Protein backbone atom coordinates (compact mmCIF):
# COMPACT_ATOMS: atom_id res chain seq x y z
CA UNK A 1 0.00 0.00 0.00
CA UNK A 2 1.25 3.45 -0.87
CA UNK A 3 0.99 6.56 1.24
CA UNK A 4 -2.36 7.64 2.60
CA UNK A 5 -3.39 11.27 2.66
CA UNK A 6 -6.45 12.53 4.51
CA UNK A 7 -8.33 15.77 4.90
CA UNK A 8 -10.35 16.79 7.96
CA UNK A 9 -12.44 19.79 8.95
CA UNK A 10 -13.35 20.52 5.33
CA UNK A 11 -16.33 22.84 4.96
CA UNK A 12 -19.53 21.04 3.89
CA UNK A 13 -19.73 22.71 0.49
CA UNK A 14 -16.09 21.79 -0.24
CA UNK A 15 -16.23 18.06 0.54
CA UNK A 16 -17.53 16.77 -2.81
CA UNK A 17 -15.31 19.28 -4.61
CA UNK A 18 -12.24 17.91 -2.79
CA UNK A 19 -13.21 14.32 -3.68
CA UNK A 20 -13.60 15.23 -7.37
CA UNK A 21 -10.27 17.11 -7.32
CA UNK A 22 -8.39 14.09 -5.97
CA UNK A 23 -10.13 11.68 -8.35
CA UNK A 24 -9.22 13.93 -11.29
CA UNK A 25 -5.55 13.43 -10.39
CA UNK A 26 -6.06 9.69 -10.96
CA UNK A 27 -6.05 8.57 -7.34
CA UNK A 28 -8.76 6.41 -5.77
CA UNK A 29 -10.80 8.17 -3.07
CA UNK A 30 -12.57 6.88 0.00
CA UNK A 31 -14.87 9.15 2.02
CA UNK A 32 -16.11 8.59 5.56
CA UNK A 33 -19.11 10.59 6.76
CA UNK A 34 -22.14 10.63 8.99
CA UNK A 35 -24.23 13.64 8.04
CA UNK A 36 -26.39 15.19 5.35
CA UNK A 37 -23.52 17.43 4.26
CA UNK A 38 -21.37 14.33 3.63
CA UNK A 39 -23.80 12.67 1.18
CA UNK A 40 -22.56 14.37 -2.05
CA UNK A 41 -18.95 13.46 -1.25
CA UNK A 42 -19.91 9.89 -0.30
CA UNK A 43 -21.58 9.49 -3.70
CA UNK A 44 -18.67 11.12 -5.56
CA UNK A 45 -16.02 8.93 -3.92
CA UNK A 46 -14.85 5.54 -5.15
CA UNK A 47 -15.74 4.05 -1.77
CA UNK A 48 -18.20 5.86 0.50
CA UNK A 49 -18.28 4.75 4.15
CA UNK A 50 -21.07 5.91 6.46
CA UNK A 51 -21.07 5.69 10.22
CA UNK A 52 -24.25 3.85 11.25
CA UNK A 53 -25.16 6.43 13.86
CA UNK A 54 -25.32 9.03 11.11
CA UNK A 55 -28.21 10.41 9.14
CA UNK A 56 -30.32 8.27 6.80
CA UNK A 57 -29.17 10.24 3.76
CA UNK A 58 -25.50 9.57 4.55
CA UNK A 59 -26.21 5.87 5.10
CA UNK A 60 -28.18 5.63 1.83
CA UNK A 61 -25.40 7.44 -0.07
CA UNK A 62 -22.58 5.17 1.12
CA UNK A 63 -21.24 1.90 -0.26
CA UNK A 64 -20.44 0.62 3.24
CA UNK A 65 -22.15 1.39 6.54
CA UNK A 66 -20.44 0.69 9.86
CA UNK A 67 -22.77 -0.04 12.74
CA UNK A 68 -21.97 -1.57 16.13
CA UNK A 69 -21.37 -5.31 15.60
CA UNK A 70 -22.24 -5.04 11.89
CA UNK A 71 -20.88 -3.84 8.55
CA UNK A 72 -23.39 -3.44 5.70
CA UNK A 73 -21.97 -3.49 2.18
CA UNK A 74 -24.03 -2.21 -0.75
CA UNK A 75 -23.60 -0.93 -4.27
CA UNK A 76 -20.15 -0.73 -5.84
CA UNK A 77 -18.40 -2.14 -2.80
CA UNK A 78 -20.12 -5.54 -3.21
CA UNK A 79 -17.53 -6.53 -5.80
CA UNK A 80 -14.80 -6.24 -3.20
CA UNK A 81 -16.33 -8.38 -0.45
CA UNK A 82 -15.76 -12.09 0.04
CA UNK A 83 -19.26 -13.47 0.79
CA UNK A 84 -17.80 -16.27 2.92
CA UNK A 85 -16.53 -13.67 5.39
CA UNK A 86 -19.80 -11.79 5.91
């Protein structure tokens, strides 16, 4: 695995823009969020991860949702999951 770069405390209106900017450089992007203002960036990312205690719109926008004792994988992320380990 190469280096990992992360951004925090990005203003809500800049989150999806930042995801698109990084993707345009050819790098894969993962986004973790829990609120309504995270939904556009979750959708724009290659892998959107929602925290299960977050809002419904964030959870619906993500490819993976993390809840206590449970990980729910949907959409594009399904191709990356080994069904025998669910």
